[in-house]
Amino acid sequence: MNAQPSRVGLIAGGAGGIGAAMARRLAGEGVGVVIADVDAGPGNALAEELGGIFVATDVASPEQNQAAVQAAVGHFGRLDIAILNAGIGEPAGSLLEFDPRAYRRMAAVNYDGVVYGMHVALQHFTVQGAGAIIAVSSLAGLGESPLNPLYASAKHAVIGLVRSLAPAVAGQGITINALCPAFVDTAIIAEAVSYLRDLGVAVLEVEAVADAMATVLADGRTGQAWMVAAHRSPQPVTFPELPTVMADPSQVIPEAPA
C-alpha cells in the first residue's frame, strides 16, 4: 500500500493547458493531485499519469465545487492547496454587440467559479488551520483591455476578491494569492498565437505559469497579485496605498495632480 502524500492539491481546470502544467509541477514535488474539470477524457488520463484522481467539475456550480473538495479529502484524507484555474475566453464581445447568455457563462466560469472554489476551500482550510489558495487571473485584470473588456472585468474582480479576502483569513494560516499571466500558449488564444509572435509579442509557455505557482507557494505571502511575464521573475504588483476611508471616514483620498 502506497503512503499517502504529505500535501494534496486540487487544480480546477486542470485537464489541460496551464492547469495540466501546474498539476505536473505539483506531482513532481510529491503532492497528491486532484484534477477537477469538465473535460473527462484528458482529465482522467492526466490523473492516471500522475497517480491522482479526476473529478468531473463545472466550476460554475457551487455543488460541484463542494463535491471536488469532498472527493479530494475522501481519497487522500486531506487538502492543502486549491488552484482555481478554470477559465474561458470572451465570446460575448463588447457591450455594443452583446450576447447576454455568452456573457453570463463567461462570468460564471471566470469569476463565480473562483468565488465558489474559494468558499469550499476556506470551509476546509479554516477547520484544518492551514491552506493555500491561488486564483489565476490575468494581466488583463491589472490594466485596460479594450479588445476584451468583459473578460478583463472578470479578471479584475478576481484580483479584488483575493486582495480583500486574504487579510480576513491570514490569521488562520491561510494564504490567498492571484497569478496574473501575460499571453500564454493555450487554447483560449490558440488562433492568435502565430499573429502575436509575428508582432514580436512574447507568448509564455504553460510551464512558466506553473513555475510561478511554485514560487508563490514557497514565498508564503498573502493577498498579492503576482505578475507573470516573459523574461522576468514572477513578482507581486505594487498597488497604491489608499486611506482606510471605510474604517475612518475622516480620511480623505487626495486628489490626483492636475
Protein backbone atom coordinates (compact mmCIF):
# COMPACT_ATOMS: atom_id res chain seq x y z
CA MET A 1 0.00 0.00 0.00
CA ASN A 2 1.41 3.36 -1.06
CA ALA A 3 1.87 6.03 1.61
CA GLN A 4 -0.43 9.00 1.39
CA PRO A 5 1.25 12.23 0.23
CA SER A 6 2.08 14.85 2.84
CA ARG A 7 0.39 17.54 0.72
CA VAL A 8 -2.58 17.43 -1.62
CA GLY A 9 -3.53 19.96 -4.28
CA LEU A 10 -6.79 20.42 -6.18
CA ILE A 11 -6.47 22.02 -9.61
CA ALA A 12 -9.70 23.40 -11.07
CA GLY A 13 -9.43 23.48 -14.84
CA GLY A 14 -6.58 21.00 -14.52
CA ALA A 15 -7.18 18.77 -17.52
CA GLY A 16 -5.16 20.83 -19.99
CA GLY A 17 -3.16 23.98 -20.61
CA ILE A 18 -1.95 25.90 -17.58
CA GLY A 19 -3.82 23.63 -15.17
CA ALA A 20 -2.19 20.47 -16.50
CA ALA A 21 1.26 22.07 -16.25
CA MET A 22 0.50 23.03 -12.66
CA ALA A 23 -0.66 19.51 -11.85
CA ARG A 24 2.52 18.03 -13.29
CA ARG A 25 4.64 20.51 -11.32
CA LEU A 26 2.87 19.67 -8.06
CA ALA A 27 3.05 15.92 -8.69
CA GLY A 28 6.74 16.26 -9.43
CA GLU A 29 7.17 17.71 -5.93
CA GLY A 30 5.36 14.77 -4.35
CA VAL A 31 1.99 16.48 -3.99
CA GLY A 32 -1.11 14.35 -4.47
CA VAL A 33 -3.21 15.87 -7.25
CA VAL A 34 -6.93 16.16 -7.84
CA ILE A 35 -7.90 17.20 -11.36
CA ALA A 36 -11.27 19.00 -11.39
CA ASP A 37 -12.51 19.76 -14.90
CA VAL A 38 -15.43 19.43 -17.30
CA ASP A 39 -13.21 17.58 -19.79
CA ALA A 40 -13.29 13.98 -18.58
CA GLY A 41 -11.10 12.33 -21.24
CA PRO A 42 -7.90 14.34 -20.76
CA GLY A 43 -8.68 14.81 -17.07
CA ASN A 44 -8.83 11.09 -16.35
CA ALA A 45 -5.73 10.44 -18.46
CA LEU A 46 -3.72 13.09 -16.62
CA ALA A 47 -4.89 11.90 -13.21
CA GLU A 48 -3.83 8.34 -14.09
CA GLU A 49 -0.45 9.59 -15.34
CA LEU A 50 0.20 11.48 -12.11
CA GLY A 51 -1.25 8.96 -9.67
CA GLY A 52 -4.05 11.32 -8.71
CA ILE A 53 -7.79 11.38 -9.17
CA PHE A 54 -10.16 13.11 -11.59
CA VAL A 55 -13.44 14.72 -10.51
CA ALA A 56 -15.88 15.93 -13.17
CA THR A 57 -16.45 19.55 -12.16
CA ASP A 58 -18.20 22.53 -13.68
CA VAL A 59 -16.84 25.35 -11.52
CA ALA A 60 -19.96 27.41 -12.25
CA SER A 61 -21.82 25.00 -9.94
CA PRO A 62 -21.41 25.51 -6.17
CA GLU A 63 -22.39 21.90 -5.57
CA GLN A 64 -19.76 20.53 -7.94
CA ASN A 65 -17.06 22.63 -6.30
CA GLN A 66 -18.11 21.16 -2.97
CA ALA A 67 -18.05 17.65 -4.42
CA ALA A 68 -14.50 18.16 -5.73
CA VAL A 69 -13.18 19.13 -2.30
CA GLN A 70 -15.03 16.24 -0.69
CA ALA A 71 -13.52 13.85 -3.24
CA ALA A 72 -10.02 15.16 -2.50
CA VAL A 73 -10.43 14.72 1.24
CA GLY A 74 -12.19 11.40 0.83
CA HIS A 75 -9.43 9.94 -1.34
CA PHE A 76 -6.29 11.47 0.18
CA GLY A 77 -7.51 12.32 3.66
CA ARG A 78 -6.56 16.00 3.35
CA LEU A 79 -6.39 19.06 1.10
CA ASP A 80 -3.66 21.68 1.35
CA ILE A 81 -3.64 23.63 -1.93
CA ALA A 82 -6.52 24.87 -4.09
CA ILE A 83 -5.60 26.19 -7.55
CA LEU A 84 -8.57 28.00 -9.09
CA ASN A 85 -7.51 27.99 -12.71
CA ALA A 86 -10.65 27.21 -14.75
CA GLY A 87 -11.36 29.86 -17.35
CA ILE A 88 -12.86 30.50 -20.77
CA GLY A 89 -12.46 33.26 -23.34
CA GLU A 90 -14.83 36.06 -24.20
CA PRO A 91 -17.38 35.05 -26.83
CA ALA A 92 -19.70 37.77 -25.54
CA GLY A 93 -17.84 40.57 -27.34
CA SER A 94 -18.17 44.19 -26.38
CA LEU A 95 -21.15 45.95 -24.85
CA LEU A 96 -22.02 47.22 -28.33
CA GLU A 97 -22.51 43.71 -29.71
CA PHE A 98 -23.67 41.75 -26.71
CA ASP A 99 -24.82 38.19 -26.13
CA PRO A 100 -26.14 38.01 -22.55
CA ARG A 101 -26.03 34.20 -22.45
CA ALA A 102 -22.41 34.05 -23.59
CA TYR A 103 -21.51 36.79 -21.13
CA ARG A 104 -23.24 35.01 -18.26
CA ARG A 105 -21.35 31.78 -18.98
CA MET A 106 -18.02 33.61 -19.18
CA ALA A 107 -18.64 35.40 -15.89
CA ALA A 108 -19.95 32.21 -14.25
CA VAL A 109 -16.73 30.34 -15.01
CA ASN A 110 -14.15 33.13 -14.73
CA TYR A 111 -15.45 34.84 -11.60
CA ASP A 112 -18.29 32.90 -9.96
CA GLY A 113 -16.19 29.73 -10.19
CA VAL A 114 -13.42 31.42 -8.23
CA VAL A 115 -15.89 32.58 -5.58
CA TYR A 116 -17.37 29.09 -5.22
CA GLY A 117 -13.94 27.46 -5.21
CA MET A 118 -12.67 29.80 -2.52
CA HIS A 119 -15.78 29.26 -0.44
CA VAL A 120 -15.46 25.48 -0.27
CA ALA A 121 -11.67 25.55 0.12
CA LEU A 122 -11.95 28.01 3.01
CA GLN A 123 -14.53 25.83 4.73
CA HIS A 124 -11.95 23.06 4.81
CA PHE A 125 -8.86 25.16 5.48
CA THR A 126 -10.35 27.02 8.45
CA VAL A 127 -11.04 23.70 10.17
CA GLN A 128 -7.64 22.34 9.18
CA GLY A 129 -5.88 25.51 10.34
CA ALA A 130 -3.82 25.95 7.17
CA GLY A 131 -4.09 26.06 3.40
CA ALA A 132 -3.07 27.90 0.26
CA ILE A 133 -5.35 29.24 -2.46
CA ILE A 134 -4.12 30.55 -5.81
CA ALA A 135 -6.60 32.08 -8.25
CA VAL A 136 -5.48 32.51 -11.86
CA SER A 137 -6.32 36.00 -13.08
CA SER A 138 -4.52 37.71 -15.96
CA LEU A 139 -2.55 40.79 -16.90
CA ALA A 140 -5.91 41.82 -18.37
CA GLY A 141 -7.05 42.10 -14.74
CA LEU A 142 -4.39 44.69 -13.98
CA GLY A 143 -4.88 47.21 -16.77
CA GLU A 144 -7.04 48.30 -19.65
CA SER A 145 -8.05 45.69 -22.18
CA PRO A 146 -10.13 47.36 -24.92
CA LEU A 147 -10.30 44.22 -27.07
CA ASN A 148 -11.88 42.06 -24.36
CA PRO A 149 -13.42 44.34 -21.72
CA LEU A 150 -15.87 41.82 -20.25
CA TYR A 151 -13.20 39.15 -19.81
CA ALA A 152 -10.91 41.78 -18.28
CA SER A 153 -13.61 42.91 -15.86
CA ALA A 154 -13.96 39.35 -14.53
CA LYS A 155 -10.19 39.11 -14.09
CA HIS A 156 -10.15 42.47 -12.28
CA ALA A 157 -12.83 41.08 -9.97
CA VAL A 158 -10.69 38.04 -9.14
CA ILE A 159 -7.84 40.29 -8.03
CA GLY A 160 -10.19 42.42 -5.95
CA LEU A 161 -11.53 39.31 -4.25
CA VAL A 162 -8.04 38.00 -3.49
CA ARG A 163 -6.80 41.29 -2.05
CA SER A 164 -9.94 41.85 0.02
CA LEU A 165 -10.36 38.34 1.38
CA ALA A 166 -6.74 37.46 2.14
CA PRO A 167 -6.37 39.74 5.21
CA ALA A 168 -9.58 38.36 6.71
CA VAL A 169 -8.22 34.80 6.90
CA ALA A 170 -4.47 35.40 7.24
CA GLY A 171 -4.66 34.79 10.98
CA GLN A 172 -5.99 31.30 10.33
CA GLY A 173 -2.89 30.11 8.49
CA ILE A 174 -4.43 30.55 5.04
CA THR A 175 -2.79 32.34 2.12
CA ILE A 176 -4.70 33.62 -0.91
CA ASN A 177 -2.92 34.98 -3.97
CA ALA A 178 -3.59 35.69 -7.64
CA LEU A 179 -1.45 34.83 -10.64
CA CYS A 180 -1.62 37.34 -13.49
CA PRO A 181 0.00 35.86 -16.60
CA ALA A 182 0.58 37.68 -19.87
CA PHE A 183 -0.34 35.87 -23.09
CA VAL A 184 0.04 32.11 -22.61
CA ASP A 185 0.06 29.49 -25.37
CA THR A 186 -3.26 27.83 -24.51
CA ALA A 187 -6.49 27.02 -26.30
CA ILE A 188 -8.02 30.37 -25.30
CA ILE A 189 -5.67 32.27 -27.65
CA ALA A 190 -4.72 29.41 -29.99
CA GLU A 191 -5.86 31.24 -33.12
CA ALA A 192 -3.86 34.35 -32.21
CA VAL A 193 -0.55 32.83 -31.10
CA SER A 194 1.15 32.99 -34.51
CA TYR A 195 -0.11 36.54 -35.07
CA LEU A 196 1.16 37.67 -31.68
CA ARG A 197 4.58 36.12 -32.23
CA ASP A 198 4.80 37.73 -35.70
CA LEU A 199 4.24 41.06 -33.95
CA GLY A 200 7.12 40.31 -31.62
CA VAL A 201 4.89 39.72 -28.60
CA ALA A 202 6.35 37.19 -26.19
CA VAL A 203 3.91 34.32 -25.55
CA LEU A 204 4.53 32.31 -22.40
CA GLU A 205 4.66 28.55 -22.29
CA VAL A 206 2.36 26.96 -19.70
CA GLU A 207 5.35 25.73 -17.72
CA ALA A 208 6.27 29.35 -16.92
CA VAL A 209 2.96 29.81 -15.14
CA ALA A 210 3.44 26.53 -13.27
CA ASP A 211 6.86 27.76 -12.17
CA ALA A 212 5.24 30.99 -10.93
CA MET A 213 2.69 28.96 -8.97
CA ALA A 214 5.55 27.13 -7.23
CA THR A 215 7.23 30.46 -6.45
CA VAL A 216 4.06 31.83 -4.85
CA LEU A 217 3.50 28.71 -2.75
CA ALA A 218 7.09 28.84 -1.49
CA ASP A 219 7.00 32.59 -0.87
CA GLY A 220 4.35 32.48 1.86
CA ARG A 221 2.97 35.98 1.41
CA THR A 222 -0.76 36.53 1.02
CA GLY A 223 -3.08 38.98 -0.71
CA GLN A 224 -0.72 39.52 -3.64
CA ALA A 225 -1.34 39.74 -7.38
CA TRP A 226 1.74 38.18 -8.98
CA MET A 227 2.64 39.33 -12.48
CA VAL A 228 3.90 36.56 -14.75
CA ALA A 229 5.60 37.93 -17.86
CA ALA A 230 8.34 36.83 -20.23
CA HIS A 231 11.99 37.45 -19.42
CA ARG A 232 11.45 38.31 -15.77
CA SER A 233 10.88 36.54 -12.49
CA PRO A 234 7.33 36.43 -11.06
CA GLN A 235 6.78 39.41 -8.81
CA PRO A 236 3.87 40.87 -6.85
CA VAL A 237 2.34 44.04 -8.24
CA THR A 238 2.61 47.18 -6.12
CA PHE A 239 -0.76 48.84 -5.67
CA PRO A 240 -1.20 52.42 -4.42
CA GLU A 241 -1.84 52.79 -0.72
CA LEU A 242 -5.21 54.41 -0.13
CA PRO A 243 -6.50 55.89 3.12
CA THR A 244 -8.71 53.48 5.03
CA VAL A 245 -11.81 55.55 4.40
CA MET A 246 -14.11 52.64 5.22
CA ALA A 247 -12.64 52.38 8.72
CA ASP A 248 -12.11 56.13 9.26
CA PRO A 249 -14.49 58.41 7.30
CA SER A 250 -12.44 61.46 8.35
CA GLN A 251 -9.67 60.38 6.00
CA VAL A 252 -9.93 61.87 2.55
CA ILE A 253 -8.41 60.45 -0.60
CA PRO A 254 -6.13 63.12 -2.05
CA GLU A 255 -6.98 64.44 -5.50
CA ALA A 256 -4.70 63.50 -8.35
CA PRO A 257 -2.46 66.33 -9.54
CA ALA A 258 -3.81 68.23 -12.49
